[in-house]
Amino acid sequence: MKNRNVTGIVAAIIYCVVLYVFLTDAPPGEAPNNPFWVYLLIPLGSIVITSLFDYVIKFDFFRKKKNSRKK
């Protein structure tokens, strides 16, 4: 895809970082106790977020289209 939605990519990166922090959070001296399928939420969530911004929402905060009409 030539024109990717930058807002969706930034939102997906923020989602990945925040979810990683929550999933690896554990009391000091203990390993995180999560099932393996929970870690699949990171890539699946980022795919859903970027596709939502690319195909459904179609609003890009970083690349605003300029209005061709001048008054």
N, C-alpha and C. Protein backbone atom coordinates (compact mmCIF):
# COMPACT_ATOMS: atom_id res chain seq x y z
N MET A 1 0.85 -1.17 0.00
CA MET A 1 0.00 0.00 0.00
C MET A 1 0.90 1.24 0.00
N LYS A 2 0.65 2.12 -0.92
CA LYS A 2 1.53 3.26 -1.10
C LYS A 2 1.36 4.30 0.00
N ASN A 3 0.15 4.70 0.28
CA ASN A 3 -0.10 5.75 1.27
C ASN A 3 -0.65 5.13 2.56
N ARG A 4 0.25 4.76 3.43
CA ARG A 4 -0.17 4.20 4.72
C ARG A 4 -0.60 5.32 5.65
N ASN A 5 -1.52 5.01 6.54
CA ASN A 5 -2.02 5.98 7.49
C ASN A 5 -1.04 6.05 8.66
N VAL A 6 -0.38 7.19 8.82
CA VAL A 6 0.66 7.35 9.83
C VAL A 6 0.04 7.34 11.23
N THR A 7 -1.16 7.86 11.38
CA THR A 7 -1.82 7.86 12.69
C THR A 7 -2.07 6.44 13.17
N GLY A 8 -2.48 5.55 12.27
CA GLY A 8 -2.70 4.15 12.63
C GLY A 8 -1.42 3.45 13.04
N ILE A 9 -0.33 3.77 12.35
CA ILE A 9 0.96 3.16 12.68
C ILE A 9 1.44 3.62 14.05
N VAL A 10 1.31 4.92 14.32
CA VAL A 10 1.72 5.45 15.63
C VAL A 10 0.85 4.86 16.74
N ALA A 11 -0.46 4.77 16.51
CA ALA A 11 -1.35 4.18 17.52
C ALA A 11 -1.02 2.71 17.75
N ALA A 12 -0.65 1.98 16.71
CA ALA A 12 -0.29 0.57 16.85
C ALA A 12 1.01 0.40 17.62
N ILE A 13 1.98 1.28 17.40
CA ILE A 13 3.25 1.21 18.14
C ILE A 13 3.02 1.50 19.61
N ILE A 14 2.21 2.50 19.90
CA ILE A 14 1.89 2.82 21.30
C ILE A 14 1.17 1.65 21.96
N TYR A 15 0.23 1.02 21.23
CA TYR A 15 -0.49 -0.15 21.74
C TYR A 15 0.48 -1.28 22.06
N CYS A 16 1.43 -1.54 21.16
CA CYS A 16 2.39 -2.63 21.38
C CYS A 16 3.26 -2.38 22.61
N VAL A 17 3.73 -1.16 22.78
CA VAL A 17 4.59 -0.84 23.92
C VAL A 17 3.82 -0.96 25.22
N VAL A 18 2.61 -0.41 25.27
CA VAL A 18 1.81 -0.46 26.51
C VAL A 18 1.42 -1.89 26.85
N LEU A 19 1.01 -2.68 25.86
CA LEU A 19 0.62 -4.06 26.14
C LEU A 19 1.82 -4.89 26.58
N TYR A 20 2.99 -4.64 25.99
CA TYR A 20 4.20 -5.34 26.41
C TYR A 20 4.54 -5.04 27.86
N VAL A 21 4.40 -3.78 28.25
CA VAL A 21 4.69 -3.40 29.64
C VAL A 21 3.72 -4.09 30.59
N PHE A 22 2.44 -4.13 30.23
CA PHE A 22 1.46 -4.79 31.10
C PHE A 22 1.68 -6.30 31.16
N LEU A 23 2.05 -6.92 30.05
CA LEU A 23 2.22 -8.37 30.03
C LEU A 23 3.49 -8.82 30.75
N THR A 24 4.52 -8.00 30.75
CA THR A 24 5.75 -8.40 31.41
C THR A 24 5.84 -7.91 32.85
N ASP A 25 4.81 -7.23 33.31
CA ASP A 25 4.80 -6.72 34.68
C ASP A 25 4.57 -7.88 35.65
N ALA A 26 5.43 -8.00 36.63
CA ALA A 26 5.33 -9.05 37.64
C ALA A 26 5.96 -8.52 38.93
N PRO A 27 5.60 -9.13 40.05
CA PRO A 27 6.25 -8.73 41.30
C PRO A 27 7.76 -8.96 41.22
N PRO A 28 8.53 -8.20 41.98
CA PRO A 28 9.99 -8.36 41.93
C PRO A 28 10.43 -9.78 42.31
N GLY A 29 11.30 -10.34 41.51
CA GLY A 29 11.84 -11.67 41.77
C GLY A 29 11.01 -12.79 41.18
N GLU A 30 9.89 -12.50 40.53
CA GLU A 30 9.05 -13.54 39.93
C GLU A 30 8.93 -13.31 38.43
N ALA A 31 8.73 -14.41 37.71
CA ALA A 31 8.52 -14.31 36.27
C ALA A 31 7.04 -14.04 35.99
N PRO A 32 6.73 -13.35 34.90
CA PRO A 32 5.32 -13.13 34.57
C PRO A 32 4.64 -14.46 34.26
N ASN A 33 3.44 -14.64 34.76
CA ASN A 33 2.71 -15.89 34.61
C ASN A 33 1.52 -15.66 33.68
N ASN A 34 1.78 -15.71 32.37
CA ASN A 34 0.74 -15.53 31.37
C ASN A 34 0.74 -16.73 30.43
N PRO A 35 -0.44 -17.12 29.93
CA PRO A 35 -0.45 -18.18 28.91
C PRO A 35 0.19 -17.67 27.61
N PHE A 36 0.65 -18.60 26.77
CA PHE A 36 1.37 -18.22 25.56
C PHE A 36 0.50 -17.47 24.57
N TRP A 37 -0.81 -17.76 24.51
CA TRP A 37 -1.68 -17.12 23.54
C TRP A 37 -1.87 -15.63 23.83
N VAL A 38 -1.63 -15.20 25.07
CA VAL A 38 -1.81 -13.79 25.41
C VAL A 38 -0.80 -12.92 24.66
N TYR A 39 0.38 -13.45 24.40
CA TYR A 39 1.40 -12.68 23.69
C TYR A 39 1.06 -12.50 22.21
N LEU A 40 0.11 -13.28 21.69
CA LEU A 40 -0.36 -13.08 20.32
C LEU A 40 -1.23 -11.84 20.18
N LEU A 41 -1.68 -11.28 21.29
CA LEU A 41 -2.49 -10.07 21.23
C LEU A 41 -1.69 -8.87 20.74
N ILE A 42 -0.37 -8.90 20.90
CA ILE A 42 0.45 -7.77 20.47
C ILE A 42 0.42 -7.63 18.94
N PRO A 43 0.80 -8.64 18.15
CA PRO A 43 0.76 -8.43 16.69
C PRO A 43 -0.66 -8.37 16.13
N LEU A 44 -1.57 -9.17 16.68
CA LEU A 44 -2.94 -9.15 16.18
C LEU A 44 -3.61 -7.80 16.42
N GLY A 45 -3.37 -7.22 17.59
CA GLY A 45 -3.93 -5.91 17.89
C GLY A 45 -3.36 -4.82 17.00
N SER A 46 -2.07 -4.90 16.72
CA SER A 46 -1.48 -3.88 15.85
C SER A 46 -2.00 -4.00 14.42
N ILE A 47 -2.24 -5.22 13.94
CA ILE A 47 -2.82 -5.41 12.61
C ILE A 47 -4.24 -4.84 12.56
N VAL A 48 -5.02 -5.09 13.59
CA VAL A 48 -6.39 -4.58 13.63
C VAL A 48 -6.40 -3.05 13.68
N ILE A 49 -5.53 -2.46 14.47
CA ILE A 49 -5.49 -0.99 14.59
C ILE A 49 -5.08 -0.35 13.27
N THR A 50 -4.03 -0.86 12.63
CA THR A 50 -3.60 -0.25 11.37
C THR A 50 -4.63 -0.45 10.27
N SER A 51 -5.28 -1.60 10.23
CA SER A 51 -6.31 -1.80 9.19
C SER A 51 -7.54 -0.94 9.46
N LEU A 52 -7.88 -0.72 10.73
CA LEU A 52 -9.00 0.18 11.04
C LEU A 52 -8.70 1.59 10.55
N PHE A 53 -7.51 2.08 10.81
CA PHE A 53 -7.18 3.43 10.38
C PHE A 53 -7.00 3.53 8.86
N ASP A 54 -6.55 2.44 8.21
CA ASP A 54 -6.36 2.47 6.76
C ASP A 54 -7.67 2.39 5.98
N TYR A 55 -8.60 1.53 6.42
CA TYR A 55 -9.78 1.24 5.62
C TYR A 55 -11.09 1.78 6.19
N VAL A 56 -11.22 1.91 7.50
CA VAL A 56 -12.50 2.30 8.10
C VAL A 56 -12.50 3.78 8.48
N ILE A 57 -11.58 4.18 9.32
CA ILE A 57 -11.58 5.55 9.84
C ILE A 57 -11.06 6.53 8.79
N LYS A 58 -9.97 6.19 8.12
CA LYS A 58 -9.37 6.99 7.05
C LYS A 58 -9.04 8.42 7.45
N PHE A 59 -8.79 8.66 8.72
CA PHE A 59 -8.37 9.99 9.18
C PHE A 59 -6.91 9.90 9.57
N ASP A 60 -6.11 10.77 8.97
CA ASP A 60 -4.68 10.80 9.27
C ASP A 60 -4.35 12.14 9.92
N PHE A 61 -4.00 12.09 11.18
CA PHE A 61 -3.70 13.30 11.93
C PHE A 61 -2.40 13.95 11.47
N PHE A 62 -1.45 13.13 11.01
CA PHE A 62 -0.13 13.66 10.64
C PHE A 62 -0.07 14.14 9.20
N ARG A 63 -0.85 13.54 8.31
CA ARG A 63 -0.88 13.96 6.91
C ARG A 63 -2.27 14.48 6.58
N LYS A 64 -2.51 15.71 6.86
CA LYS A 64 -3.81 16.29 6.54
C LYS A 64 -3.80 16.72 5.08
N LYS A 65 -4.91 16.42 4.38
CA LYS A 65 -5.01 16.81 2.98
C LYS A 65 -5.32 18.30 2.91
N LYS A 66 -4.65 18.96 2.01
CA LYS A 66 -4.86 20.39 1.85
C LYS A 66 -6.06 20.62 0.94
N ASN A 67 -6.84 21.60 1.29
CA ASN A 67 -8.02 21.93 0.51
C ASN A 67 -7.59 22.62 -0.78
N SER A 68 -8.09 22.12 -1.91
CA SER A 68 -7.68 22.67 -3.19
C SER A 68 -8.39 23.99 -3.50
N ARG A 69 -9.52 24.24 -2.87
CA ARG A 69 -10.24 25.50 -3.09
C ARG A 69 -9.66 26.61 -2.23
N LYS A 70 -9.45 27.73 -2.84
CA LYS A 70 -8.99 28.90 -2.08
C LYS A 70 -10.05 29.97 -2.16
N LYS A 71 -10.31 30.62 -1.07
CA LYS A 71 -11.32 31.67 -1.04
C LYS A 71 -10.68 33.03 -1.07
